[in-house]
Amino acid sequence: QVQLVESGGGLVQAGGSLRLSCAAAGRTFSRYIMGWFRQAPGKEREFVAAISRSEPITAYADSVKGRFTISRDNAKNTVYLQMNSLKPEDTAVYYCAAYEYGSSWYLKRNTYEYDYWGQGTQVTASS
């Protein structure tokens, strides 16, 4: 198993930036494909980004492509989400998630495909 803890959320003006971090503890971090999801009030949890185990393979939701960047540092057991040009519609609780088994060439985007979840961190972009 792996335990995930997010940090870095907060309140920012529209157009600003935040960097989220997700620290992992437990089994070897590099075994896991990592993802970020978000959930706004009254809405379902949705995919934001994912990154493969060690190759530079990433996937993004269309709504964040070009503004958000996912990265990981396997030596630090941490995955990051750099969020630039934030919009009010980016306001949500952001969750880090992981799964172990699957190809690095196809990164999963559904919540039910991820086995481990963090507790979430609030991001608010004010207009």
N, C-alpha and C. Protein backbone atom coordinates (compact mmCIF):
# COMPACT_ATOMS: atom_id res chain seq x y z
N GLN A 1 0.83 -1.19 0.00
CA GLN A 1 0.00 0.00 0.00
C GLN A 1 0.87 1.24 0.00
N VAL A 2 0.23 2.37 -0.35
CA VAL A 2 0.91 3.65 -0.33
C VAL A 2 -0.03 4.67 0.31
N GLN A 3 0.53 5.54 1.12
CA GLN A 3 -0.23 6.61 1.76
C GLN A 3 0.14 7.93 1.08
N LEU A 4 -0.88 8.74 0.81
CA LEU A 4 -0.69 9.97 0.05
C LEU A 4 -1.16 11.17 0.86
N VAL A 5 -0.34 12.22 0.88
CA VAL A 5 -0.69 13.44 1.61
C VAL A 5 -0.44 14.64 0.71
N GLU A 6 -1.50 15.39 0.41
CA GLU A 6 -1.39 16.58 -0.43
C GLU A 6 -1.10 17.82 0.40
N SER A 7 -0.48 18.80 -0.23
CA SER A 7 -0.26 20.10 0.39
C SER A 7 -0.12 21.14 -0.72
N GLY A 8 -0.17 22.41 -0.32
CA GLY A 8 0.08 23.48 -1.27
C GLY A 8 -1.15 24.22 -1.75
N GLY A 9 -2.33 23.78 -1.32
CA GLY A 9 -3.53 24.48 -1.73
C GLY A 9 -3.63 25.84 -1.06
N GLY A 10 -4.60 26.63 -1.52
CA GLY A 10 -4.80 27.94 -0.93
C GLY A 10 -5.70 28.82 -1.77
N LEU A 11 -5.71 30.09 -1.43
CA LEU A 11 -6.52 31.10 -2.12
C LEU A 11 -5.61 31.95 -2.99
N VAL A 12 -5.98 32.09 -4.25
CA VAL A 12 -5.18 32.88 -5.18
C VAL A 12 -6.11 33.65 -6.10
N GLN A 13 -5.68 34.78 -6.58
CA GLN A 13 -6.47 35.55 -7.53
C GLN A 13 -6.43 34.87 -8.90
N ALA A 14 -7.48 35.06 -9.64
CA ALA A 14 -7.51 34.54 -11.01
C ALA A 14 -6.29 35.05 -11.77
N GLY A 15 -5.67 34.15 -12.52
CA GLY A 15 -4.45 34.48 -13.23
C GLY A 15 -3.19 34.12 -12.48
N GLY A 16 -3.34 33.80 -11.21
CA GLY A 16 -2.20 33.44 -10.39
C GLY A 16 -1.79 31.99 -10.52
N SER A 17 -0.83 31.59 -9.70
CA SER A 17 -0.26 30.25 -9.77
C SER A 17 -0.20 29.61 -8.39
N LEU A 18 -0.26 28.30 -8.37
CA LEU A 18 -0.04 27.50 -7.17
C LEU A 18 0.68 26.22 -7.58
N ARG A 19 1.45 25.66 -6.65
CA ARG A 19 2.03 24.34 -6.88
C ARG A 19 1.58 23.41 -5.77
N LEU A 20 0.91 22.36 -6.16
CA LEU A 20 0.51 21.33 -5.23
C LEU A 20 1.57 20.25 -5.14
N SER A 21 1.72 19.69 -3.97
CA SER A 21 2.62 18.56 -3.76
C SER A 21 1.85 17.40 -3.17
N CYS A 22 2.29 16.20 -3.47
CA CYS A 22 1.70 15.00 -2.90
C CYS A 22 2.85 14.09 -2.47
N ALA A 23 3.01 13.92 -1.17
CA ALA A 23 4.06 13.08 -0.63
C ALA A 23 3.53 11.67 -0.40
N ALA A 24 4.31 10.69 -0.82
CA ALA A 24 3.89 9.29 -0.71
C ALA A 24 4.75 8.57 0.30
N ALA A 25 4.12 7.68 1.05
CA ALA A 25 4.84 6.83 2.00
C ALA A 25 4.33 5.41 1.87
N GLY A 26 5.22 4.45 2.08
CA GLY A 26 4.81 3.07 1.98
C GLY A 26 5.68 2.33 0.99
N ARG A 27 5.07 1.63 0.07
CA ARG A 27 5.80 0.85 -0.91
C ARG A 27 6.55 1.76 -1.88
N THR A 28 7.43 1.20 -2.64
CA THR A 28 8.30 1.94 -3.54
C THR A 28 7.48 2.85 -4.45
N PHE A 29 7.73 4.15 -4.32
CA PHE A 29 6.96 5.16 -5.02
C PHE A 29 7.01 4.97 -6.53
N SER A 30 8.16 4.59 -7.05
CA SER A 30 8.33 4.49 -8.50
C SER A 30 7.50 3.37 -9.12
N ARG A 31 6.88 2.52 -8.31
CA ARG A 31 6.02 1.46 -8.83
C ARG A 31 4.67 2.00 -9.29
N TYR A 32 4.33 3.21 -8.84
CA TYR A 32 2.98 3.72 -9.03
C TYR A 32 2.89 4.76 -10.14
N ILE A 33 1.81 4.66 -10.87
CA ILE A 33 1.40 5.73 -11.77
C ILE A 33 0.57 6.69 -10.94
N MET A 34 0.84 7.98 -11.07
CA MET A 34 0.22 8.99 -10.22
C MET A 34 -0.72 9.89 -11.00
N GLY A 35 -1.76 10.35 -10.31
CA GLY A 35 -2.71 11.24 -10.95
C GLY A 35 -3.20 12.31 -10.00
N TRP A 36 -3.74 13.37 -10.58
CA TRP A 36 -4.43 14.42 -9.84
C TRP A 36 -5.86 14.49 -10.35
N PHE A 37 -6.77 14.61 -9.41
CA PHE A 37 -8.19 14.78 -9.70
C PHE A 37 -8.68 16.00 -8.92
N ARG A 38 -9.85 16.48 -9.26
CA ARG A 38 -10.44 17.58 -8.50
C ARG A 38 -11.95 17.41 -8.42
N GLN A 39 -12.51 18.00 -7.38
CA GLN A 39 -13.96 17.94 -7.19
C GLN A 39 -14.47 19.28 -6.69
N ALA A 40 -15.29 19.91 -7.51
CA ALA A 40 -15.92 21.16 -7.15
C ALA A 40 -17.25 20.88 -6.45
N PRO A 41 -17.75 21.82 -5.66
CA PRO A 41 -19.01 21.61 -4.94
C PRO A 41 -20.15 21.24 -5.89
N GLY A 42 -20.86 20.16 -5.57
CA GLY A 42 -21.98 19.74 -6.37
C GLY A 42 -21.64 19.03 -7.65
N LYS A 43 -20.36 18.78 -7.87
CA LYS A 43 -19.92 18.12 -9.10
C LYS A 43 -19.20 16.82 -8.79
N GLU A 44 -19.09 15.97 -9.81
CA GLU A 44 -18.36 14.73 -9.65
C GLU A 44 -16.85 15.00 -9.69
N ARG A 45 -16.12 14.08 -9.09
CA ARG A 45 -14.67 14.17 -9.14
C ARG A 45 -14.21 13.93 -10.58
N GLU A 46 -13.28 14.77 -11.03
CA GLU A 46 -12.85 14.67 -12.42
C GLU A 46 -11.33 14.61 -12.54
N PHE A 47 -10.91 13.98 -13.60
CA PHE A 47 -9.49 13.82 -13.90
C PHE A 47 -8.86 15.16 -14.26
N VAL A 48 -7.64 15.38 -13.77
CA VAL A 48 -6.89 16.57 -14.11
C VAL A 48 -5.62 16.21 -14.89
N ALA A 49 -4.80 15.33 -14.33
CA ALA A 49 -3.54 14.98 -14.97
C ALA A 49 -3.02 13.66 -14.41
N ALA A 50 -2.14 13.02 -15.17
CA ALA A 50 -1.49 11.79 -14.72
C ALA A 50 -0.08 11.73 -15.27
N ILE A 51 0.76 10.94 -14.60
CA ILE A 51 2.15 10.81 -15.02
C ILE A 51 2.61 9.38 -14.83
N SER A 52 3.41 8.90 -15.74
CA SER A 52 3.90 7.53 -15.70
C SER A 52 4.95 7.36 -14.62
N ARG A 53 5.43 6.12 -14.49
CA ARG A 53 6.32 5.79 -13.37
C ARG A 53 7.65 6.50 -13.44
N SER A 54 8.30 6.46 -14.59
CA SER A 54 9.62 7.09 -14.70
C SER A 54 9.84 7.74 -16.05
N GLU A 55 9.13 7.25 -17.07
CA GLU A 55 9.27 7.87 -18.39
C GLU A 55 8.56 9.23 -18.37
N PRO A 56 8.95 10.15 -19.21
CA PRO A 56 8.24 11.43 -19.21
C PRO A 56 6.93 11.37 -20.01
N ILE A 57 6.01 10.50 -19.55
CA ILE A 57 4.72 10.37 -20.21
C ILE A 57 3.67 10.99 -19.31
N THR A 58 2.92 11.95 -19.85
CA THR A 58 1.90 12.64 -19.08
C THR A 58 0.59 12.71 -19.87
N ALA A 59 -0.48 12.96 -19.15
CA ALA A 59 -1.80 13.14 -19.77
C ALA A 59 -2.52 14.24 -19.01
N TYR A 60 -3.32 15.01 -19.73
CA TYR A 60 -4.03 16.13 -19.12
C TYR A 60 -5.47 16.18 -19.60
N ALA A 61 -6.34 16.70 -18.74
CA ALA A 61 -7.68 17.05 -19.17
C ALA A 61 -7.59 18.24 -20.11
N ASP A 62 -8.48 18.31 -21.05
CA ASP A 62 -8.46 19.42 -22.01
C ASP A 62 -8.59 20.77 -21.30
N SER A 63 -9.32 20.80 -20.21
CA SER A 63 -9.58 22.06 -19.51
C SER A 63 -8.35 22.67 -18.87
N VAL A 64 -7.30 21.86 -18.66
CA VAL A 64 -6.10 22.38 -18.00
C VAL A 64 -4.87 22.31 -18.89
N LYS A 65 -5.00 21.72 -20.05
CA LYS A 65 -3.85 21.56 -20.94
C LYS A 65 -3.26 22.92 -21.29
N GLY A 66 -1.94 23.03 -21.16
CA GLY A 66 -1.26 24.28 -21.44
C GLY A 66 -1.15 25.20 -20.25
N ARG A 67 -1.89 24.90 -19.18
CA ARG A 67 -1.83 25.73 -17.97
C ARG A 67 -1.26 24.97 -16.78
N PHE A 68 -1.54 23.68 -16.70
CA PHE A 68 -1.08 22.85 -15.59
C PHE A 68 0.03 21.91 -16.07
N THR A 69 0.97 21.61 -15.15
CA THR A 69 2.05 20.67 -15.45
C THR A 69 2.21 19.69 -14.30
N ILE A 70 2.14 18.41 -14.61
CA ILE A 70 2.38 17.38 -13.60
C ILE A 70 3.83 16.90 -13.73
N SER A 71 4.45 16.65 -12.58
CA SER A 71 5.81 16.14 -12.57
C SER A 71 5.99 15.28 -11.32
N ARG A 72 7.09 14.55 -11.28
CA ARG A 72 7.36 13.73 -10.11
C ARG A 72 8.85 13.66 -9.85
N ASP A 73 9.18 13.45 -8.58
CA ASP A 73 10.57 13.26 -8.18
C ASP A 73 10.59 11.95 -7.39
N ASN A 74 11.01 10.88 -8.02
CA ASN A 74 10.98 9.57 -7.37
C ASN A 74 11.95 9.49 -6.19
N ALA A 75 13.01 10.29 -6.22
CA ALA A 75 13.95 10.30 -5.10
C ALA A 75 13.32 10.92 -3.85
N LYS A 76 12.35 11.81 -4.06
CA LYS A 76 11.67 12.47 -2.94
C LYS A 76 10.28 11.88 -2.67
N ASN A 77 9.90 10.87 -3.43
CA ASN A 77 8.58 10.24 -3.26
C ASN A 77 7.45 11.28 -3.35
N THR A 78 7.57 12.16 -4.32
CA THR A 78 6.62 13.28 -4.41
C THR A 78 6.20 13.50 -5.85
N VAL A 79 4.92 13.81 -6.01
CA VAL A 79 4.39 14.23 -7.30
C VAL A 79 3.86 15.66 -7.14
N TYR A 80 3.99 16.45 -8.20
CA TYR A 80 3.64 17.86 -8.15
C TYR A 80 2.59 18.18 -9.22
N LEU A 81 1.87 19.26 -8.95
CA LEU A 81 0.99 19.83 -9.97
C LEU A 81 1.20 21.33 -9.95
N GLN A 82 1.89 21.83 -10.97
CA GLN A 82 2.09 23.27 -11.14
C GLN A 82 0.89 23.82 -11.88
N MET A 83 0.21 24.77 -11.27
CA MET A 83 -1.01 25.33 -11.85
C MET A 83 -0.78 26.81 -12.13
N ASN A 84 -0.81 27.18 -13.39
CA ASN A 84 -0.64 28.56 -13.81
C ASN A 84 -1.93 29.08 -14.44
N SER A 85 -2.02 30.40 -14.53
CA SER A 85 -3.18 31.04 -15.15
C SER A 85 -4.48 30.48 -14.59
N LEU A 86 -4.56 30.43 -13.29
CA LEU A 86 -5.73 29.84 -12.65
C LEU A 86 -6.99 30.64 -12.94
N LYS A 87 -8.09 29.91 -13.09
CA LYS A 87 -9.38 30.50 -13.37
C LYS A 87 -10.34 30.18 -12.23
N PRO A 88 -11.38 30.98 -12.06
CA PRO A 88 -12.36 30.66 -11.00
C PRO A 88 -12.92 29.24 -11.14
N GLU A 89 -13.06 28.76 -12.35
CA GLU A 89 -13.60 27.41 -12.55
C GLU A 89 -12.61 26.31 -12.15
N ASP A 90 -11.38 26.67 -11.81
CA ASP A 90 -10.43 25.69 -11.29
C ASP A 90 -10.64 25.45 -9.79
N THR A 91 -11.48 26.26 -9.16
CA THR A 91 -11.74 26.12 -7.74
C THR A 91 -12.33 24.75 -7.44
N ALA A 92 -11.68 24.02 -6.52
CA ALA A 92 -12.09 22.65 -6.19
C ALA A 92 -11.18 22.12 -5.10
N VAL A 93 -11.55 20.97 -4.57
CA VAL A 93 -10.64 20.19 -3.75
C VAL A 93 -9.84 19.30 -4.70
N TYR A 94 -8.53 19.36 -4.59
CA TYR A 94 -7.65 18.59 -5.46
C TYR A 94 -7.13 17.37 -4.71
N TYR A 95 -7.22 16.23 -5.37
CA TYR A 95 -6.82 14.95 -4.79
C TYR A 95 -5.68 14.32 -5.59
N CYS A 96 -4.75 13.77 -4.86
CA CYS A 96 -3.69 12.96 -5.43
C CYS A 96 -4.15 11.50 -5.39
N ALA A 97 -3.79 10.73 -6.41
CA ALA A 97 -4.21 9.34 -6.46
C ALA A 97 -3.13 8.49 -7.13
N ALA A 98 -3.22 7.18 -6.91
CA ALA A 98 -2.19 6.29 -7.46
C ALA A 98 -2.77 4.92 -7.80
N TYR A 99 -2.16 4.28 -8.79
CA TYR A 99 -2.43 2.87 -9.04
C TYR A 99 -1.13 2.21 -9.46
N GLU A 100 -1.08 0.89 -9.26
CA GLU A 100 0.20 0.20 -9.44
C GLU A 100 0.29 -0.57 -10.75
N TYR A 101 -0.78 -1.22 -11.15
CA TYR A 101 -0.70 -2.13 -12.29
C TYR A 101 -1.31 -1.50 -13.52
N GLY A 102 -0.54 -1.50 -14.59
CA GLY A 102 -1.01 -0.94 -15.84
C GLY A 102 0.16 -0.42 -16.65
N SER A 103 -0.10 -0.26 -17.92
CA SER A 103 0.93 0.20 -18.84
C SER A 103 1.22 1.68 -18.63
N SER A 104 2.50 2.05 -18.72
CA SER A 104 2.86 3.46 -18.66
C SER A 104 2.46 4.20 -19.92
N TRP A 105 2.13 3.45 -20.98
CA TRP A 105 1.80 4.07 -22.26
C TRP A 105 0.34 4.45 -22.35
N TYR A 106 -0.46 3.99 -21.40
CA TYR A 106 -1.86 4.41 -21.35
C TYR A 106 -2.17 4.80 -19.91
N LEU A 107 -2.34 6.07 -19.66
CA LEU A 107 -2.57 6.57 -18.31
C LEU A 107 -4.07 6.69 -18.08
N LYS A 108 -4.51 6.06 -17.00
CA LYS A 108 -5.94 5.98 -16.71
C LYS A 108 -6.51 7.31 -16.25
N ARG A 109 -7.80 7.53 -16.54
CA ARG A 109 -8.44 8.81 -16.25
C ARG A 109 -9.70 8.69 -15.41
N ASN A 110 -10.08 7.50 -15.03
CA ASN A 110 -11.31 7.31 -14.26
C ASN A 110 -11.00 7.10 -12.79
N THR A 111 -11.86 7.66 -11.93
CA THR A 111 -11.61 7.55 -10.49
C THR A 111 -11.57 6.10 -10.03
N TYR A 112 -12.41 5.24 -10.62
CA TYR A 112 -12.47 3.85 -10.15
C TYR A 112 -11.23 3.05 -10.52
N GLU A 113 -10.40 3.60 -11.38
CA GLU A 113 -9.18 2.90 -11.80
C GLU A 113 -8.00 3.19 -10.87
N TYR A 114 -8.18 4.11 -9.95
CA TYR A 114 -7.12 4.45 -9.01
C TYR A 114 -7.41 3.80 -7.66
N ASP A 115 -6.38 3.24 -7.06
CA ASP A 115 -6.54 2.44 -5.85
C ASP A 115 -6.28 3.21 -4.55
N TYR A 116 -5.48 4.24 -4.62
CA TYR A 116 -5.07 4.95 -3.41
C TYR A 116 -5.33 6.44 -3.60
N TRP A 117 -5.78 7.09 -2.50
CA TRP A 117 -6.17 8.49 -2.56
C TRP A 117 -5.68 9.25 -1.34
N GLY A 118 -5.35 10.51 -1.57
CA GLY A 118 -5.05 11.40 -0.47
C GLY A 118 -6.32 12.02 0.08
N GLN A 119 -6.17 12.90 1.05
CA GLN A 119 -7.32 13.51 1.71
C GLN A 119 -7.81 14.76 1.01
N GLY A 120 -7.01 15.30 0.11
CA GLY A 120 -7.41 16.47 -0.66
C GLY A 120 -6.90 17.77 -0.08
N THR A 121 -6.75 18.75 -0.97
CA THR A 121 -6.35 20.10 -0.56
C THR A 121 -7.18 21.10 -1.36
N GLN A 122 -7.66 22.14 -0.68
CA GLN A 122 -8.56 23.11 -1.30
C GLN A 122 -7.78 24.12 -2.12
N VAL A 123 -8.24 24.36 -3.34
CA VAL A 123 -7.72 25.41 -4.20
C VAL A 123 -8.87 26.34 -4.56
N THR A 124 -8.67 27.62 -4.29
CA THR A 124 -9.70 28.61 -4.61
C THR A 124 -9.07 29.72 -5.44
N ALA A 125 -9.61 29.93 -6.63
CA ALA A 125 -9.16 31.01 -7.51
C ALA A 125 -10.28 32.03 -7.57
N SER A 126 -10.02 33.21 -7.02
CA SER A 126 -11.07 34.23 -6.93
C SER A 126 -11.02 35.15 -8.13
N SER A 127 -12.19 35.60 -8.54
CA SER A 127 -12.27 36.50 -9.70
C SER A 127 -12.16 37.95 -9.27
